[in-house]
């Protein structure tokens, strides 16, 4: 849950998209889905979202968790002269700044909603060992920042920053992380629930071609639009069949979870580059309705906190 159209990188943050969330929540309840709303600081300031979130908690129809954008979350400790334009990764900041921003984001949400924060996703998917350790210090039990098969090395943050993570070798399955090396399983209380992403079988046969195409090149963007290297459990207006296939394939492969994601601003016309019109929003909700109907018959819907409790019970862990 974040401010409107963060892709445009403006210096102001508005949260009109909060008004569009009740429709999504109603769809979730129709198919007994239990969403986890991962809330960024700017959205937490929205009276409309505060009312919405209180309703979700009061009726026990979902979970409120934390999401953190370095460029909007206090304290203001700019890494560049234009953080609003560069969107620096939080892991590019000193550890002391990371800790303070996590403290503020967590405290703000807990004060507003009067519940403990348990679940988290890093802004721009950027998690490292320092960040994971700080999350544990603040009582978090679940993270969902890992994107298997994806390297973000072509993405830019601060011009002189360390850059994002390469998750291409990380596990697909949920695991308790080793705080000294978050790509490995360990004995920490932090459960990593990776985003559901699968390699495209067709593109696997093009590996040699991929090696000669720059990550940021026009050719690569065009090729990815025609046939993506990977398939995400994330609607984009053109992938209804892929979403259904991915859910089916994960279940057939006895995957331990399927994780769906969508930015709140993508549910508002013009709130993102992907869904600019009312017609495209109707298409999005049509895609989600078919997907939710499909998974409701085949999976048990859980919030991230509930999933942590389930895995902890299976593995006999107590926290």
Protein backbone atom coordinates (compact mmCIF):
# COMPACT_ATOMS: atom_id res chain seq x y z
CA UNK A 1 0.00 0.00 0.00
CA UNK A 2 1.74 3.10 -1.22
CA UNK A 3 1.27 6.57 -2.66
CA UNK A 4 -0.17 7.19 -6.11
CA UNK A 5 1.93 6.44 -9.21
CA UNK A 6 5.35 6.07 -7.62
CA UNK A 7 6.71 5.30 -11.10
CA UNK A 8 6.43 9.01 -12.02
CA UNK A 9 8.88 9.95 -9.22
CA UNK A 10 7.36 13.29 -8.32
CA UNK A 11 8.35 15.30 -5.25
CA UNK A 12 4.86 15.09 -3.71
CA UNK A 13 2.97 12.04 -2.47
CA UNK A 14 -0.80 11.71 -2.76
CA UNK A 15 -2.88 8.73 -1.66
CA UNK A 16 -6.09 8.92 -3.68
CA UNK A 17 -5.77 5.20 -4.41
CA UNK A 18 -6.83 4.39 -0.83
CA UNK A 19 -10.42 5.06 -1.91
CA UNK A 20 -10.26 2.19 -4.38
CA UNK A 21 -9.28 -0.50 -1.88
CA UNK A 22 -12.77 -1.46 -0.61
CA UNK A 23 -13.61 -2.97 -4.01
CA UNK A 24 -10.54 -5.21 -3.80
CA UNK A 25 -11.34 -6.17 -0.21
CA UNK A 26 -14.88 -7.12 -1.22
CA UNK A 27 -13.50 -9.34 -3.98
CA UNK A 28 -11.17 -11.00 -1.49
CA UNK A 29 -14.01 -11.65 0.93
CA UNK A 30 -16.19 -13.07 -1.85
CA UNK A 31 -13.63 -15.83 -2.40
CA UNK A 32 -12.46 -16.01 1.24
CA UNK A 33 -9.03 -14.60 0.40
CA UNK A 34 -7.19 -13.10 3.39
CA UNK A 35 -4.98 -10.26 2.15
CA UNK A 36 -1.98 -8.77 3.91
CA UNK A 37 -1.80 -5.03 3.30
CA UNK A 38 1.87 -4.01 3.47
CA UNK A 39 1.62 -0.30 4.25
CA UNK A 40 4.14 2.40 3.41
CA UNK A 41 4.48 5.50 5.62
CA UNK A 42 2.76 7.93 3.23
CA UNK A 43 -0.28 5.66 2.94
CA UNK A 44 -0.38 5.28 6.72
CA UNK A 45 -1.05 9.04 6.93
CA UNK A 46 -4.18 8.76 4.77
CA UNK A 47 -7.44 9.12 6.75
CA UNK A 48 -9.17 7.01 4.10
CA UNK A 49 -6.68 4.20 4.53
CA UNK A 50 -6.75 4.49 8.32
CA UNK A 51 -10.52 3.97 8.23
CA UNK A 52 -10.17 1.10 5.76
CA UNK A 53 -7.39 -0.60 7.73
CA UNK A 54 -9.28 -0.30 11.00
CA UNK A 55 -12.24 -2.02 9.36
CA UNK A 56 -10.07 -4.86 8.05
CA UNK A 57 -8.56 -5.42 11.50
CA UNK A 58 -11.85 -5.01 13.35
CA UNK A 59 -13.62 -7.56 11.17
CA UNK A 60 -10.57 -9.88 11.06
CA UNK A 61 -10.64 -10.00 7.26
CA UNK A 62 -6.94 -9.39 6.65
CA UNK A 63 -3.63 -8.25 8.10
CA UNK A 64 -1.78 -4.94 8.23
CA UNK A 65 1.99 -5.17 7.74
CA UNK A 66 4.82 -2.77 6.95
CA UNK A 67 6.35 -1.65 3.66
CA UNK A 68 9.17 0.91 3.60
CA UNK A 69 10.18 3.46 0.99
CA UNK A 70 13.39 5.23 1.95
CA UNK A 71 12.43 8.48 0.21
CA UNK A 72 9.17 9.09 2.09
CA UNK A 73 9.74 7.50 5.50
CA UNK A 74 11.09 9.76 8.28
CA UNK A 75 13.53 10.71 9.53
CA UNK A 76 14.55 12.74 6.51
CA UNK A 77 18.19 11.84 5.94
CA UNK A 78 18.65 12.38 2.19
CA UNK A 79 21.16 10.19 0.43
CA UNK A 80 21.07 12.44 -2.65
CA UNK A 81 19.83 15.91 -3.52
CA UNK A 82 16.80 14.32 -5.23
CA UNK A 83 15.81 11.17 -3.34
CA UNK A 84 12.26 11.55 -4.67
CA UNK A 85 13.63 11.09 -8.20
CA UNK A 86 16.30 8.45 -7.55
CA UNK A 87 14.28 6.34 -5.08
CA UNK A 88 17.41 5.05 -3.33
CA UNK A 89 17.27 1.55 -1.92
CA UNK A 90 17.10 1.52 1.87
CA UNK A 91 20.10 -0.83 1.92
CA UNK A 92 22.16 2.00 0.37
CA UNK A 93 21.85 3.97 3.62
CA UNK A 94 24.03 3.59 6.73
CA UNK A 95 22.79 0.98 9.19
CA UNK A 96 21.87 3.67 11.72
CA UNK A 97 19.48 5.27 9.21
CA UNK A 98 17.95 1.92 8.27
CA UNK A 99 17.31 1.20 11.94
CA UNK A 100 15.71 4.59 12.58
CA UNK A 101 13.44 4.40 9.54
CA UNK A 102 12.28 0.89 10.48
CA UNK A 103 11.61 2.14 14.01
CA UNK A 104 9.52 5.08 12.77
CA UNK A 105 7.59 3.07 10.17
CA UNK A 106 6.83 0.31 12.68
CA UNK A 107 5.86 2.67 15.49
CA UNK A 108 3.62 4.73 13.22
CA UNK A 109 1.63 1.72 12.04
CA UNK A 110 1.36 0.20 15.50
CA UNK A 111 0.16 3.50 16.98
CA UNK A 112 -2.45 3.99 14.26
CA UNK A 113 -3.84 0.46 14.12
CA UNK A 114 -3.07 -0.74 17.66
CA UNK A 115 -1.68 -4.08 16.48
CA UNK A 116 1.86 -5.43 16.39
CA UNK A 117 3.62 -5.42 13.04
CA UNK A 118 4.62 -8.96 12.08
CA UNK A 119 4.96 -8.92 8.29
CA UNK A 120 7.14 -6.80 6.01
CA UNK A 121 8.26 -6.21 2.45
CA UNK A 122 11.21 -4.00 1.52
CA UNK A 123 10.68 -1.09 -0.84
CA UNK A 124 11.93 -1.94 -4.31
CA UNK A 125 12.50 -5.53 -3.09
CA UNK A 126 15.87 -4.58 -1.55
CA UNK A 127 16.76 -6.61 1.54
CA UNK A 128 20.18 -7.38 2.99
CA UNK A 129 21.57 -8.95 6.16
CA UNK A 130 21.63 -5.67 8.11
CA UNK A 131 18.02 -4.93 7.23
CA UNK A 132 16.89 -8.47 8.11
CA UNK A 133 18.59 -8.28 11.50
CA UNK A 134 16.91 -4.94 12.24
CA UNK A 135 13.52 -6.41 11.32
CA UNK A 136 14.05 -9.20 13.85
CA UNK A 137 15.06 -6.62 16.48
CA UNK A 138 11.68 -4.94 15.94
CA UNK A 139 9.70 -8.15 16.30
CA UNK A 140 9.01 -8.98 12.66
CA UNK A 141 8.39 -12.64 11.92
CA UNK A 142 7.79 -12.58 8.16
CA UNK A 143 9.50 -10.96 5.19
CA UNK A 144 8.45 -11.33 1.56
CA UNK A 145 11.09 -9.27 -0.28
CA UNK A 146 12.87 -12.10 -2.10
CA UNK A 147 12.14 -12.47 -5.83
CA UNK A 148 13.55 -15.85 -6.98
CA UNK A 149 15.08 -15.97 -10.48
CA UNK A 150 15.35 -12.16 -10.51
CA UNK A 151 18.43 -9.98 -10.38
CA UNK A 152 17.77 -6.29 -9.86
CA UNK A 153 21.32 -5.34 -10.77
CA UNK A 154 20.11 -3.34 -13.77
CA UNK A 155 17.92 -1.15 -11.55
CA UNK A 156 19.26 2.16 -10.30
CA UNK A 157 19.00 3.75 -6.89
CA UNK A 158 21.36 6.46 -5.68
CA UNK A 159 23.93 7.25 -8.42
CA UNK A 160 26.83 6.27 -6.15
CA UNK A 161 24.93 3.70 -4.12
CA UNK A 162 25.65 0.00 -3.71
CA UNK A 163 22.65 -0.93 -5.82
CA UNK A 164 20.01 -3.63 -5.39
CA UNK A 165 20.14 -7.38 -4.79
CA UNK A 166 20.58 -10.35 -7.08
CA UNK A 167 18.02 -12.92 -5.94
CA UNK A 168 18.48 -15.26 -8.90
CA UNK A 169 20.01 -17.99 -6.72
CA UNK A 170 17.64 -17.65 -3.76
CA UNK A 171 15.14 -20.40 -2.83
CA UNK A 172 11.59 -20.47 -4.17
CA UNK A 173 10.24 -22.11 -1.01
CA UNK A 174 9.60 -20.43 2.32
CA UNK A 175 12.46 -20.67 4.80
CA UNK A 176 13.68 -19.26 8.10
CA UNK A 177 16.62 -17.08 7.16
CA UNK A 178 20.21 -17.17 8.31
CA UNK A 179 20.77 -13.58 9.42
CA UNK A 180 24.42 -13.83 8.37
CA UNK A 181 23.47 -14.88 4.83
CA UNK A 182 19.83 -14.35 3.92
CA UNK A 183 19.98 -16.64 0.89
CA UNK A 184 20.44 -19.59 3.25
CA UNK A 185 18.21 -21.32 5.77
CA UNK A 186 19.02 -20.65 9.40
CA UNK A 187 17.54 -20.58 12.88
CA UNK A 188 16.29 -17.00 13.08
CA UNK A 189 12.59 -16.29 13.77
CA UNK A 190 12.28 -14.46 10.42
CA UNK A 191 10.42 -16.51 7.82
CA UNK A 192 11.15 -15.52 4.23
CA UNK A 193 8.14 -16.08 1.96
CA UNK A 194 9.48 -15.53 -1.56
CA UNK A 195 7.33 -14.00 -4.26
CA UNK A 196 5.86 -16.61 -6.60
CA UNK A 197 7.94 -16.34 -9.77
CA UNK A 198 8.76 -19.07 -12.28
CA UNK A 199 11.10 -19.11 -15.28
CA UNK A 200 9.46 -19.07 -18.70
CA UNK A 201 10.06 -22.46 -20.29
CA UNK A 202 10.12 -20.97 -23.79
CA UNK A 203 12.71 -18.36 -22.85
CA UNK A 204 14.96 -20.96 -21.23
CA UNK A 205 15.81 -22.19 -24.72
CA UNK A 206 16.95 -18.65 -25.58
CA UNK A 207 19.60 -18.43 -22.86
CA UNK A 208 22.42 -17.89 -25.33
CA UNK A 209 20.51 -15.04 -26.98
CA UNK A 210 19.77 -13.45 -23.59
CA UNK A 211 23.50 -13.26 -22.82
CA UNK A 212 24.01 -10.83 -25.68
CA UNK A 213 21.12 -8.50 -24.86
CA UNK A 214 21.77 -5.71 -22.37
CA UNK A 215 19.49 -5.70 -19.30
CA UNK A 216 18.29 -2.18 -20.05
CA UNK A 217 18.29 -2.37 -23.84
CA UNK A 218 15.23 -1.66 -25.97
CA UNK A 219 15.61 -5.12 -27.51
CA UNK A 220 15.40 -6.77 -24.10
CA UNK A 221 12.35 -4.74 -23.07
CA UNK A 222 10.61 -5.67 -26.32
CA UNK A 223 11.50 -9.34 -25.95
CA UNK A 224 10.27 -9.36 -22.35
CA UNK A 225 6.97 -7.84 -23.42
CA UNK A 226 6.48 -10.51 -26.08
CA UNK A 227 7.69 -13.39 -23.93
CA UNK A 228 8.87 -12.58 -20.39
CA UNK A 229 11.90 -14.40 -18.96
CA UNK A 230 9.87 -15.16 -15.87
CA UNK A 231 6.23 -15.28 -14.90
CA UNK A 232 5.06 -13.44 -11.78
CA UNK A 233 1.95 -14.05 -9.72
CA UNK A 234 1.15 -10.43 -10.41
CA UNK A 235 -1.45 -9.18 -12.93
CA UNK A 236 -0.34 -6.79 -15.66
CA UNK A 237 -3.42 -6.69 -17.89
CA UNK A 238 -2.04 -9.21 -20.38
CA UNK A 239 -1.30 -12.33 -18.34
CA UNK A 240 -4.55 -13.91 -17.11
CA UNK A 241 -3.61 -17.27 -18.61
CA UNK A 242 -0.12 -17.09 -17.12
CA UNK A 243 -1.54 -16.42 -13.65
CA UNK A 244 -3.79 -19.46 -13.83
CA UNK A 245 -1.00 -21.64 -15.21
CA UNK A 246 1.44 -20.47 -12.54
CA UNK A 247 -1.00 -21.31 -9.75
CA UNK A 248 -1.67 -24.71 -11.30
CA UNK A 249 2.01 -25.48 -11.87
CA UNK A 250 2.96 -24.50 -8.33
CA UNK A 251 0.30 -26.77 -6.89
CA UNK A 252 1.31 -29.65 -9.18
CA UNK A 253 4.93 -29.23 -8.11
CA UNK A 254 3.79 -29.41 -4.45
CA UNK A 255 4.96 -25.85 -3.84
CA UNK A 256 4.37 -24.77 -0.26
CA UNK A 257 2.75 -21.46 -1.17
CA UNK A 258 1.51 -19.18 -3.92
CA UNK A 259 2.02 -15.48 -3.23
CA UNK A 260 0.00 -12.90 -5.16
CA UNK A 261 0.90 -9.20 -5.16
CA UNK A 262 -0.42 -5.92 -6.49
CA UNK A 263 0.33 -2.27 -5.70
CA UNK A 264 -2.63 -0.39 -4.28
CA UNK A 265 -2.15 2.35 -6.88
CA UNK A 266 -2.64 -0.19 -9.67
CA UNK A 267 -6.31 -0.42 -8.69
CA UNK A 268 -6.91 3.25 -9.50
CA UNK A 269 -7.23 4.50 -13.10
CA UNK A 270 -4.02 6.40 -13.87
CA UNK A 271 -2.38 5.32 -10.63
CA UNK A 272 0.28 3.32 -12.44
CA UNK A 273 1.72 2.91 -15.93
CA UNK A 274 -0.08 -0.43 -16.27
CA UNK A 275 -3.72 0.45 -15.70
CA UNK A 276 -4.40 3.95 -16.99
CA UNK A 277 -8.10 3.80 -17.78
CA UNK A 278 -11.32 2.66 -16.19
CA UNK A 279 -11.57 -0.01 -18.84
CA UNK A 280 -8.16 -1.42 -17.93
CA UNK A 281 -9.18 -1.49 -14.25
CA UNK A 282 -12.26 -3.51 -15.17
CA UNK A 283 -9.99 -5.92 -17.02
CA UNK A 284 -7.74 -6.15 -13.96
CA UNK A 285 -10.64 -7.03 -11.69
CA UNK A 286 -11.85 -9.57 -14.23
CA UNK A 287 -8.42 -11.21 -14.16
CA UNK A 288 -8.35 -11.24 -10.36
CA UNK A 289 -11.86 -12.64 -10.09
CA UNK A 290 -11.03 -15.59 -12.34
CA UNK A 291 -7.76 -16.21 -10.49
CA UNK A 292 -9.33 -15.99 -7.02
CA UNK A 293 -12.16 -18.32 -8.06
CA UNK A 294 -9.55 -20.81 -9.33
CA UNK A 295 -7.31 -20.73 -6.25
CA UNK A 296 -10.20 -20.71 -3.75
CA UNK A 297 -10.99 -24.28 -4.81
CA UNK A 298 -7.39 -25.48 -4.56
CA UNK A 299 -5.59 -23.53 -1.82
CA UNK A 300 -6.18 -22.38 1.75
CA UNK A 301 -6.01 -18.60 1.95
CA UNK A 302 -3.82 -17.19 4.74
CA UNK A 303 -2.35 -13.86 5.73
CA UNK A 304 1.43 -13.76 6.02
CA UNK A 305 1.18 -13.93 9.82
CA UNK A 306 -1.12 -16.95 9.58
CA UNK A 307 1.26 -18.61 7.16
CA UNK A 308 4.13 -18.06 9.61
CA UNK A 309 2.06 -19.69 12.36
CA UNK A 310 1.33 -22.66 10.09
CA UNK A 311 4.98 -23.18 9.12
CA UNK A 312 6.10 -22.74 12.73
CA UNK A 313 3.64 -25.42 13.80
CA UNK A 314 4.82 -27.82 11.11
CA UNK A 315 8.47 -27.29 12.02
CA UNK A 316 7.77 -27.22 15.78
CA UNK A 317 9.21 -23.72 16.16
CA UNK A 318 8.02 -21.39 18.93
CA UNK A 319 8.45 -17.60 18.95
